[in-house]
PDB file of N, CA and C in Angstrom:
ATOM      1  N   UNK A   1     -59.515 -42.981 -77.341  1.00  0.00           N
ATOM      2  CA  UNK A   1     -60.875 -43.470 -77.479  1.00  0.00           C
ATOM      3  C   UNK A   1     -61.392 -43.079 -78.851  1.00  0.00           C
ATOM      4  N   UNK A   2     -61.945 -44.057 -79.555  1.00  0.00           N
ATOM      5  CA  UNK A   2     -62.499 -43.814 -80.884  1.00  0.00           C
ATOM      6  C   UNK A   2     -63.998 -44.094 -80.840  1.00  0.00           C
ATOM      7  N   UNK A   3     -64.762 -43.198 -81.439  1.00  0.00           N
ATOM      8  CA  UNK A   3     -66.210 -43.303 -81.442  1.00  0.00           C
ATOM      9  C   UNK A   3     -66.711 -43.240 -82.872  1.00  0.00           C
ATOM     10  N   UNK A   4     -67.697 -44.083 -83.181  1.00  0.00           N
ATOM     11  CA  UNK A   4     -68.341 -44.039 -84.487  1.00  0.00           C
ATOM     12  C   UNK A   4     -69.839 -43.887 -84.265  1.00  0.00           C
ATOM     13  N   UNK A   5     -70.452 -43.030 -85.064  1.00  0.00           N
ATOM     14  CA  UNK A   5     -71.895 -42.842 -85.019  1.00  0.00           C
ATOM     15  C   UNK A   5     -72.464 -43.228 -86.370  1.00  0.00           C
ATOM     16  N   UNK A   6     -73.447 -44.121 -86.363  1.00  0.00           N
ATOM     17  CA  UNK A   6     -74.080 -44.592 -87.587  1.00  0.00           C
ATOM     18  C   UNK A   6     -75.531 -44.118 -87.594  1.00  0.00           C
ATOM     19  N   UNK A   7     -75.926 -43.521 -88.714  1.00  0.00           N
ATOM     20  CA  UNK A   7     -77.315 -43.073 -88.868  1.00  0.00           C
ATOM     21  C   UNK A   7     -77.911 -43.770 -90.075  1.00  0.00           C
ATOM     22  N   UNK A   8     -79.105 -44.348 -89.868  1.00  0.00           N
ATOM     23  CA  UNK A   8     -79.793 -45.042 -90.949  1.00  0.00           C
ATOM     24  C   UNK A   8     -81.290 -44.813 -90.791  1.00  0.00           C
ATOM     25  N   UNK A   9     -81.896 -44.222 -91.811  1.00  0.00           N
ATOM     26  CA  UNK A   9     -83.341 -43.935 -91.798  1.00  0.00           C
ATOM     27  C   UNK A   9     -83.754 -43.149 -90.561  1.00  0.00           C
ATOM     28  N   UNK A  10     -82.930 -42.215 -90.165  1.00  0.00           N
ATOM     29  CA  UNK A  10     -83.253 -41.358 -89.035  1.00  0.00           C
ATOM     30  C   UNK A  10     -82.914 -41.943 -87.677  1.00  0.00           C
ATOM     31  N   UNK A  11     -82.483 -43.178 -87.633  1.00  0.00           N
ATOM     32  CA  UNK A  11     -82.083 -43.801 -86.354  1.00  0.00           C
ATOM     33  C   UNK A  11     -80.572 -43.705 -86.215  1.00  0.00           C
ATOM     34  N   UNK A  12     -80.118 -43.424 -84.997  1.00  0.00           N
ATOM     35  CA  UNK A  12     -78.703 -43.235 -84.735  1.00  0.00           C
ATOM     36  C   UNK A  12     -78.224 -44.225 -83.681  1.00  0.00           C
ATOM     37  N   UNK A  13     -77.035 -44.773 -83.908  1.00  0.00           N
ATOM     38  CA  UNK A  13     -76.397 -45.667 -82.947  1.00  0.00           C
ATOM     39  C   UNK A  13     -74.930 -45.279 -82.857  1.00  0.00           C
ATOM     40  N   UNK A  14     -74.393 -45.356 -81.661  1.00  0.00           N
ATOM     41  CA  UNK A  14     -72.991 -44.989 -81.428  1.00  0.00           C
ATOM     42  C   UNK A  14     -72.256 -46.156 -80.783  1.00  0.00           C
ATOM     43  N   UNK A  15     -71.021 -46.391 -81.214  1.00  0.00           N
ATOM     44  CA  UNK A  15     -70.154 -47.412 -80.620  1.00  0.00           C
ATOM     45  C   UNK A  15     -68.817 -46.767 -80.301  1.00  0.00           C
ATOM     46  N   UNK A  16     -68.148 -47.313 -79.291  1.00  0.00           N
ATOM     47  CA  UNK A  16     -66.889 -46.729 -78.840  1.00  0.00           C
ATOM     48  C   UNK A  16     -65.859 -47.830 -78.600  1.00  0.00           C
ATOM     49  N   UNK A  17     -64.607 -47.542 -78.905  1.00  0.00           N
ATOM     50  CA  UNK A  17     -63.513 -48.472 -78.668  1.00  0.00           C
ATOM     51  C   UNK A  17     -62.338 -47.708 -78.075  1.00  0.00           C
ATOM     52  N   UNK A  18     -61.710 -48.315 -77.091  1.00  0.00           N
ATOM     53  CA  UNK A  18     -60.545 -47.697 -76.462  1.00  0.00           C
ATOM     54  C   UNK A  18     -59.305 -48.470 -76.894  1.00  0.00           C
ATOM     55  N   UNK A  19     -58.339 -47.774 -77.454  1.00  0.00           N
ATOM     56  CA  UNK A  19     -57.084 -48.364 -77.889  1.00  0.00           C
ATOM     57  C   UNK A  19     -56.010 -47.938 -76.900  1.00  0.00           C
ATOM     58  N   UNK A  20     -55.275 -48.924 -76.359  1.00  0.00           N
ATOM     59  CA  UNK A  20     -54.221 -48.615 -75.396  1.00  0.00           C
ATOM     60  C   UNK A  20     -52.858 -48.987 -75.966  1.00  0.00           C
ATOM     61  N   UNK A  21     -51.846 -48.338 -75.485  1.00  0.00           N
ATOM     62  CA  UNK A  21     -50.467 -48.576 -75.891  1.00  0.00           C
ATOM     63  C   UNK A  21     -49.857 -49.617 -74.969  1.00  0.00           C
ATOM     64  N   UNK A  22     -49.274 -50.656 -75.552  1.00  0.00           N
ATOM     65  CA  UNK A  22     -48.602 -51.692 -74.778  1.00  0.00           C
ATOM     66  C   UNK A  22     -47.103 -51.454 -74.841  1.00  0.00           C
ATOM     67  N   UNK A  23     -46.476 -51.419 -73.695  1.00  0.00           N
ATOM     68  CA  UNK A  23     -45.036 -51.231 -73.617  1.00  0.00           C
ATOM     69  C   UNK A  23     -44.416 -52.514 -73.084  1.00  0.00           C
ATOM     70  N   UNK A  24     -43.547 -53.131 -73.864  1.00  0.00           N
ATOM     71  CA  UNK A  24     -42.898 -54.380 -73.480  1.00  0.00           C
ATOM     72  C   UNK A  24     -41.420 -54.117 -73.263  1.00  0.00           C
ATOM     73  N   UNK A  25     -40.926 -54.470 -72.079  1.00  0.00           N
ATOM     74  CA  UNK A  25     -39.500 -54.334 -71.789  1.00  0.00           C
ATOM     75  C   UNK A  25     -38.999 -55.667 -71.237  1.00  0.00           C
ATOM     76  N   UNK A  26     -38.210 -56.357 -72.018  1.00  0.00           N
ATOM     77  CA  UNK A  26     -37.651 -57.640 -71.602  1.00  0.00           C
ATOM     78  C   UNK A  26     -36.489 -57.415 -70.651  1.00  0.00           C
ATOM     79  N   UNK A  27     -36.375 -58.290 -69.657  1.00  0.00           N
ATOM     80  CA  UNK A  27     -35.212 -58.269 -68.782  1.00  0.00           C
ATOM     81  C   UNK A  27     -34.901 -59.694 -68.333  1.00  0.00           C
ATOM     82  N   UNK A  28     -33.650 -59.906 -67.936  1.00  0.00           N
ATOM     83  CA  UNK A  28     -33.192 -61.218 -67.468  1.00  0.00           C
ATOM     84  C   UNK A  28     -32.549 -61.035 -66.105  1.00  0.00           C
ATOM     85  N   UNK A  29     -32.918 -61.897 -65.157  1.00  0.00           N
ATOM     86  CA  UNK A  29     -32.286 -61.877 -63.843  1.00  0.00           C
ATOM     87  C   UNK A  29     -31.749 -63.267 -63.533  1.00  0.00           C
ATOM     88  N   UNK A  30     -30.843 -63.324 -62.574  1.00  0.00           N
ATOM     89  CA  UNK A  30     -30.256 -64.596 -62.158  1.00  0.00           C
ATOM     90  C   UNK A  30     -28.746 -64.523 -62.192  1.00  0.00           C
ATOM     91  N   UNK A  31     -28.125 -65.474 -61.538  1.00  0.00           N
ATOM     92  CA  UNK A  31     -26.656 -65.531 -61.481  1.00  0.00           C
ATOM     93  C   UNK A  31     -26.086 -65.795 -62.870  1.00  0.00           C
ATOM     94  N   UNK A  32     -25.076 -65.035 -63.236  1.00  0.00           N
ATOM     95  CA  UNK A  32     -24.462 -65.197 -64.553  1.00  0.00           C
ATOM     96  C   UNK A  32     -23.122 -65.916 -64.477  1.00  0.00           C
ATOM     97  N   UNK A  33     -22.812 -66.490 -63.322  1.00  0.00           N
ATOM     98  CA  UNK A  33     -21.622 -67.320 -63.172  1.00  0.00           C
ATOM     99  C   UNK A  33     -22.031 -68.647 -62.545  1.00  0.00           C
ATOM    100  N   UNK A  34     -21.267 -69.703 -62.856  1.00  0.00           N
ATOM    101  CA  UNK A  34     -21.528 -71.013 -62.277  1.00  0.00           C
ATOM    102  C   UNK A  34     -20.237 -71.806 -62.253  1.00  0.00           C
ATOM    103  N   UNK A  35     -20.167 -72.793 -61.390  1.00  0.00           N
ATOM    104  CA  UNK A  35     -19.002 -73.671 -61.312  1.00  0.00           C
ATOM    105  C   UNK A  35     -19.031 -74.655 -62.475  1.00  0.00           C
ATOM    106  N   UNK A  36     -17.880 -75.145 -62.858  1.00  0.00           N
ATOM    107  CA  UNK A  36     -17.779 -76.144 -63.908  1.00  0.00           C
ATOM    108  C   UNK A  36     -18.624 -77.355 -63.527  1.00  0.00           C
ATOM    109  N   UNK A  37     -19.461 -77.792 -64.439  1.00  0.00           N
ATOM    110  CA  UNK A  37     -20.343 -78.926 -64.180  1.00  0.00           C
ATOM    111  C   UNK A  37     -21.623 -78.551 -63.461  1.00  0.00           C
ATOM    112  N   UNK A  38     -21.772 -77.299 -63.096  1.00  0.00           N
ATOM    113  CA  UNK A  38     -22.948 -76.841 -62.364  1.00  0.00           C
ATOM    114  C   UNK A  38     -23.991 -76.252 -63.287  1.00  0.00           C
ATOM    115  N   UNK A  39     -24.904 -75.502 -62.681  1.00  0.00           N
ATOM    116  CA  UNK A  39     -25.954 -74.864 -63.467  1.00  0.00           C
ATOM    117  C   UNK A  39     -26.404 -73.595 -62.764  1.00  0.00           C
ATOM    118  N   UNK A  40     -27.133 -72.788 -63.496  1.00  0.00           N
ATOM    119  CA  UNK A  40     -27.752 -71.590 -62.955  1.00  0.00           C
ATOM    120  C   UNK A  40     -29.093 -71.409 -63.666  1.00  0.00           C
ATOM    121  N   UNK A  41     -29.960 -70.641 -63.075  1.00  0.00           N
ATOM    122  CA  UNK A  41     -31.254 -70.382 -63.703  1.00  0.00           C
ATOM    123  C   UNK A  41     -31.362 -68.899 -64.032  1.00  0.00           C
ATOM    124  N   UNK A  42     -31.609 -68.607 -65.299  1.00  0.00           N
ATOM    125  CA  UNK A  42     -31.897 -67.248 -65.742  1.00  0.00           C
ATOM    126  C   UNK A  42     -33.406 -67.120 -65.870  1.00  0.00           C
ATOM    127  N   UNK A  43     -33.952 -66.003 -65.412  1.00  0.00           N
ATOM    128  CA  UNK A  43     -35.394 -65.801 -65.460  1.00  0.00           C
ATOM    129  C   UNK A  43     -35.714 -64.521 -66.213  1.00  0.00           C
ATOM    130  N   UNK A  44     -36.550 -64.656 -67.228  1.00  0.00           N
ATOM    131  CA  UNK A  44     -36.974 -63.507 -68.033  1.00  0.00           C
ATOM    132  C   UNK A  44     -38.254 -62.929 -67.451  1.00  0.00           C
ATOM    133  N   UNK A  45     -38.447 -61.632 -67.668  1.00  0.00           N
ATOM    134  CA  UNK A  45     -39.694 -60.985 -67.267  1.00  0.00           C
ATOM    135  C   UNK A  45     -40.026 -59.898 -68.274  1.00  0.00           C
ATOM    136  N   UNK A  46     -41.275 -59.438 -68.209  1.00  0.00           N
ATOM    137  CA  UNK A  46     -41.666 -58.316 -69.046  1.00  0.00           C
ATOM    138  C   UNK A  46     -42.719 -58.611 -70.088  1.00  0.00           C
ATOM    139  N   UNK A  47     -43.250 -59.814 -70.115  1.00  0.00           N
ATOM    140  CA  UNK A  47     -44.218 -60.066 -71.172  1.00  0.00           C
ATOM    141  C   UNK A  47     -45.113 -61.245 -70.939  1.00  0.00           C
ATOM    142  N   UNK A  48     -45.798 -61.615 -71.994  1.00  0.00           N
ATOM    143  CA  UNK A  48     -46.738 -62.717 -71.932  1.00  0.00           C
ATOM    144  C   UNK A  48     -46.124 -64.034 -72.357  1.00  0.00           C
ATOM    145  N   UNK A  49     -45.300 -64.032 -73.415  1.00  0.00           N
ATOM    146  CA  UNK A  49     -44.637 -65.248 -73.863  1.00  0.00           C
ATOM    147  C   UNK A  49     -43.144 -64.996 -73.996  1.00  0.00           C
ATOM    148  N   UNK A  50     -42.376 -66.086 -73.897  1.00  0.00           N
ATOM    149  CA  UNK A  50     -40.920 -65.996 -73.907  1.00  0.00           C
ATOM    150  C   UNK A  50     -40.349 -66.996 -74.903  1.00  0.00           C
ATOM    151  N   UNK A  51     -39.308 -66.583 -75.618  1.00  0.00           N
ATOM    152  CA  UNK A  51     -38.586 -67.481 -76.508  1.00  0.00           C
ATOM    153  C   UNK A  51     -37.091 -67.212 -76.353  1.00  0.00           C
ATOM    154  N   UNK A  52     -36.387 -68.207 -75.805  1.00  0.00           N
ATOM    155  CA  UNK A  52     -34.942 -68.113 -75.612  1.00  0.00           C
ATOM    156  C   UNK A  52     -34.217 -68.615 -76.853  1.00  0.00           C
ATOM    157  N   UNK A  53     -32.980 -68.163 -77.057  1.00  0.00           N
ATOM    158  CA  UNK A  53     -32.207 -68.595 -78.219  1.00  0.00           C
ATOM    159  C   UNK A  53     -31.808 -70.067 -78.144  1.00  0.00           C
ATOM    160  N   UNK A  54     -32.007 -70.731 -76.997  1.00  0.00           N
ATOM    161  CA  UNK A  54     -31.740 -72.169 -76.913  1.00  0.00           C
ATOM    162  C   UNK A  54     -33.033 -72.986 -77.023  1.00  0.00           C
ATOM    163  N   UNK A  55     -34.139 -72.322 -77.442  1.00  0.00           N
ATOM    164  CA  UNK A  55     -35.377 -73.020 -77.711  1.00  0.00           C
ATOM    165  C   UNK A  55     -36.377 -73.075 -76.571  1.00  0.00           C
ATOM    166  N   UNK A  56     -35.977 -72.697 -75.362  1.00  0.00           N
ATOM    167  CA  UNK A  56     -36.909 -72.721 -74.235  1.00  0.00           C
ATOM    168  C   UNK A  56     -38.018 -71.693 -74.465  1.00  0.00           C
ATOM    169  N   UNK A  57     -39.230 -71.993 -73.984  1.00  0.00           N
ATOM    170  CA  UNK A  57     -40.364 -71.093 -74.175  1.00  0.00           C
ATOM    171  C   UNK A  57     -41.028 -70.737 -72.841  1.00  0.00           C
ATOM    172  N   UNK A  58     -40.279 -70.855 -71.757  1.00  0.00           N
ATOM    173  CA  UNK A  58     -40.770 -70.487 -70.432  1.00  0.00           C
ATOM    174  C   UNK A  58     -39.934 -69.328 -69.905  1.00  0.00           C
ATOM    175  N   UNK A  59     -40.424 -68.661 -68.868  1.00  0.00           N
ATOM    176  CA  UNK A  59     -39.673 -67.546 -68.291  1.00  0.00           C
ATOM    177  C   UNK A  59     -38.365 -68.030 -67.679  1.00  0.00           C
ATOM    178  N   UNK A  60     -38.399 -69.163 -66.971  1.00  0.00           N
ATOM    179  CA  UNK A  60     -37.193 -69.708 -66.328  1.00  0.00           C
ATOM    180  C   UNK A  60     -36.440 -70.591 -67.313  1.00  0.00           C
ATOM    181  N   UNK A  61     -35.116 -70.427 -67.333  1.00  0.00           N
ATOM    182  CA  UNK A  61     -34.264 -71.176 -68.252  1.00  0.00           C
ATOM    183  C   UNK A  61     -33.092 -71.741 -67.466  1.00  0.00           C
ATOM    184  N   UNK A  62     -33.038 -73.071 -67.301  1.00  0.00           N
ATOM    185  CA  UNK A  62     -31.939 -73.717 -66.590  1.00  0.00           C
ATOM    186  C   UNK A  62     -30.730 -73.798 -67.513  1.00  0.00           C
ATOM    187  N   UNK A  63     -29.633 -73.157 -67.127  1.00  0.00           N
ATOM    188  CA  UNK A  63     -28.438 -73.055 -67.955  1.00  0.00           C
ATOM    189  C   UNK A  63     -27.362 -73.995 -67.421  1.00  0.00           C
ATOM    190  N   UNK A  64     -26.792 -74.836 -68.309  1.00  0.00           N
ATOM    191  CA  UNK A  64     -25.731 -75.761 -67.913  1.00  0.00           C
ATOM    192  C   UNK A  64     -24.446 -75.557 -68.706  1.00  0.00           C
ATOM    193  N   UNK A  65     -24.455 -74.611 -69.653  1.00  0.00           N
ATOM    194  CA  UNK A  65     -23.266 -74.342 -70.469  1.00  0.00           C
ATOM    195  C   UNK A  65     -23.033 -72.839 -70.543  1.00  0.00           C
ATOM    196  N   UNK A  66     -21.771 -72.452 -70.496  1.00  0.00           N
ATOM    197  CA  UNK A  66     -21.425 -71.031 -70.618  1.00  0.00           C
ATOM    198  C   UNK A  66     -21.812 -70.541 -72.010  1.00  0.00           C
ATOM    199  N   UNK A  67     -22.159 -69.281 -72.106  1.00  0.00           N
ATOM    200  CA  UNK A  67     -22.505 -68.718 -73.401  1.00  0.00           C
ATOM    201  C   UNK A  67     -23.355 -67.480 -73.261  1.00  0.00           C
ATOM    202  N   UNK A  68     -23.813 -66.975 -74.384  1.00  0.00           N
ATOM    203  CA  UNK A  68     -24.684 -65.815 -74.424  1.00  0.00           C
ATOM    204  C   UNK A  68     -26.114 -66.303 -74.610  1.00  0.00           C
ATOM    205  N   UNK A  69     -27.011 -65.835 -73.744  1.00  0.00           N
ATOM    206  CA  UNK A  69     -28.417 -66.247 -73.805  1.00  0.00           C
ATOM    207  C   UNK A  69     -29.281 -65.025 -74.061  1.00  0.00           C
ATOM    208  N   UNK A  70     -30.156 -65.152 -75.052  1.00  0.00           N
ATOM    209  CA  UNK A  70     -31.037 -64.072 -75.464  1.00  0.00           C
ATOM    210  C   UNK A  70     -32.478 -64.542 -75.332  1.00  0.00           C
ATOM    211  N   UNK A  71     -33.339 -63.647 -74.844  1.00  0.00           N
ATOM    212  CA  UNK A  71     -34.762 -63.966 -74.761  1.00  0.00           C
ATOM    213  C   UNK A  71     -35.551 -62.881 -75.487  1.00  0.00           C
ATOM    214  N   UNK A  72     -36.554 -63.315 -76.232  1.00  0.00           N
ATOM    215  CA  UNK A  72     -37.487 -62.396 -76.867  1.00  0.00           C
ATOM    216  C   UNK A  72     -38.814 -62.519 -76.136  1.00  0.00           C
ATOM    217  N   UNK A  73     -39.301 -61.395 -75.646  1.00  0.00           N
ATOM    218  CA  UNK A  73     -40.549 -61.343 -74.901  1.00  0.00           C
ATOM    219  C   UNK A  73     -41.614 -60.740 -75.811  1.00  0.00           C
ATOM    220  N   UNK A  74     -42.788 -61.375 -75.864  1.00  0.00           N
ATOM    221  CA  UNK A  74     -43.887 -60.897 -76.698  1.00  0.00           C
ATOM    222  C   UNK A  74     -45.130 -60.693 -75.849  1.00  0.00           C
ATOM    223  N   UNK A  75     -45.765 -59.536 -76.026  1.00  0.00           N
ATOM    224  CA  UNK A  75     -46.991 -59.229 -75.309  1.00  0.00           C
ATOM    225  C   UNK A  75     -47.881 -58.411 -76.227  1.00  0.00           C
ATOM    226  N   UNK A  76     -49.062 -58.913 -76.540  1.00  0.00           N
ATOM    227  CA  UNK A  76     -50.018 -58.237 -77.423  1.00  0.00           C
ATOM    228  C   UNK A  76     -49.415 -57.855 -78.772  1.00  0.00           C
ATOM    229  N   UNK A  77     -48.575 -58.726 -79.319  1.00  0.00           N
ATOM    230  CA  UNK A  77     -47.975 -58.481 -80.613  1.00  0.00           C
ATOM    231  C   UNK A  77     -46.739 -57.606 -80.601  1.00  0.00           C
ATOM    232  N   UNK A  78     -46.383 -57.043 -79.454  1.00  0.00           N
ATOM    233  CA  UNK A  78     -45.180 -56.223 -79.320  1.00  0.00           C
ATOM    234  C   UNK A  78     -44.044 -57.098 -78.765  1.00  0.00           C
ATOM    235  N   UNK A  79     -42.811 -56.850 -79.205  1.00  0.00           N
ATOM    236  CA  UNK A  79     -41.688 -57.656 -78.752  1.00  0.00           C
ATOM    237  C   UNK A  79     -40.563 -56.791 -78.203  1.00  0.00           C
ATOM    238  N   UNK A  80     -39.762 -57.419 -77.348  1.00  0.00           N
ATOM    239  CA  UNK A  80     -38.572 -56.791 -76.782  1.00  0.00           C
ATOM    240  C   UNK A  80     -37.564 -57.912 -76.549  1.00  0.00           C
ATOM    241  N   UNK A  81     -36.288 -57.611 -76.645  1.00  0.00           N
ATOM    242  CA  UNK A  81     -35.236 -58.616 -76.488  1.00  0.00           C
ATOM    243  C   UNK A  81     -34.252 -58.193 -75.416  1.00  0.00           C
ATOM    244  N   UNK A  82     -33.787 -59.174 -74.619  1.00  0.00           N
ATOM    245  CA  UNK A  82     -32.756 -58.939 -73.611  1.00  0.00           C
ATOM    246  C   UNK A  82     -31.694 -60.021 -73.770  1.00  0.00           C
ATOM    247  N   UNK A  83     -30.480 -59.710 -73.311  1.00  0.00           N
ATOM    248  CA  UNK A  83     -29.358 -60.628 -73.463  1.00  0.00           C
ATOM    249  C   UNK A  83     -28.579 -60.735 -72.168  1.00  0.00           C
ATOM    250  N   UNK A  84     -28.129 -61.952 -71.859  1.00  0.00           N
ATOM    251  CA  UNK A  84     -27.283 -62.201 -70.688  1.00  0.00           C
ATOM    252  C   UNK A  84     -26.039 -62.917 -71.165  1.00  0.00           C
ATOM    253  N   UNK A  85     -24.876 -62.429 -70.730  1.00  0.00           N
ATOM    254  CA  UNK A  85     -23.605 -63.030 -71.149  1.00  0.00           C
ATOM    255  C   UNK A  85     -22.976 -63.723 -69.966  1.00  0.00           C
TER     256      UNK A  85
END
């Protein structure tokens, strides 16, 4: 908590601001195997916005090709990254 007191011509005013720490931890859940020609859904959690390495910007990502998928989670300007192989 931060407080400032301003005095002008004998008059005093005080204002206060509370600064909190934001902790962002990205994670990915969902099946990491699928049949040939099939699909699976990977779901990211841990933040306010999501950006996957395949361009998706939602928490849920429908996967139709084998590979490594990475998501960056952003919340209040803080970021965290998770990867699913």
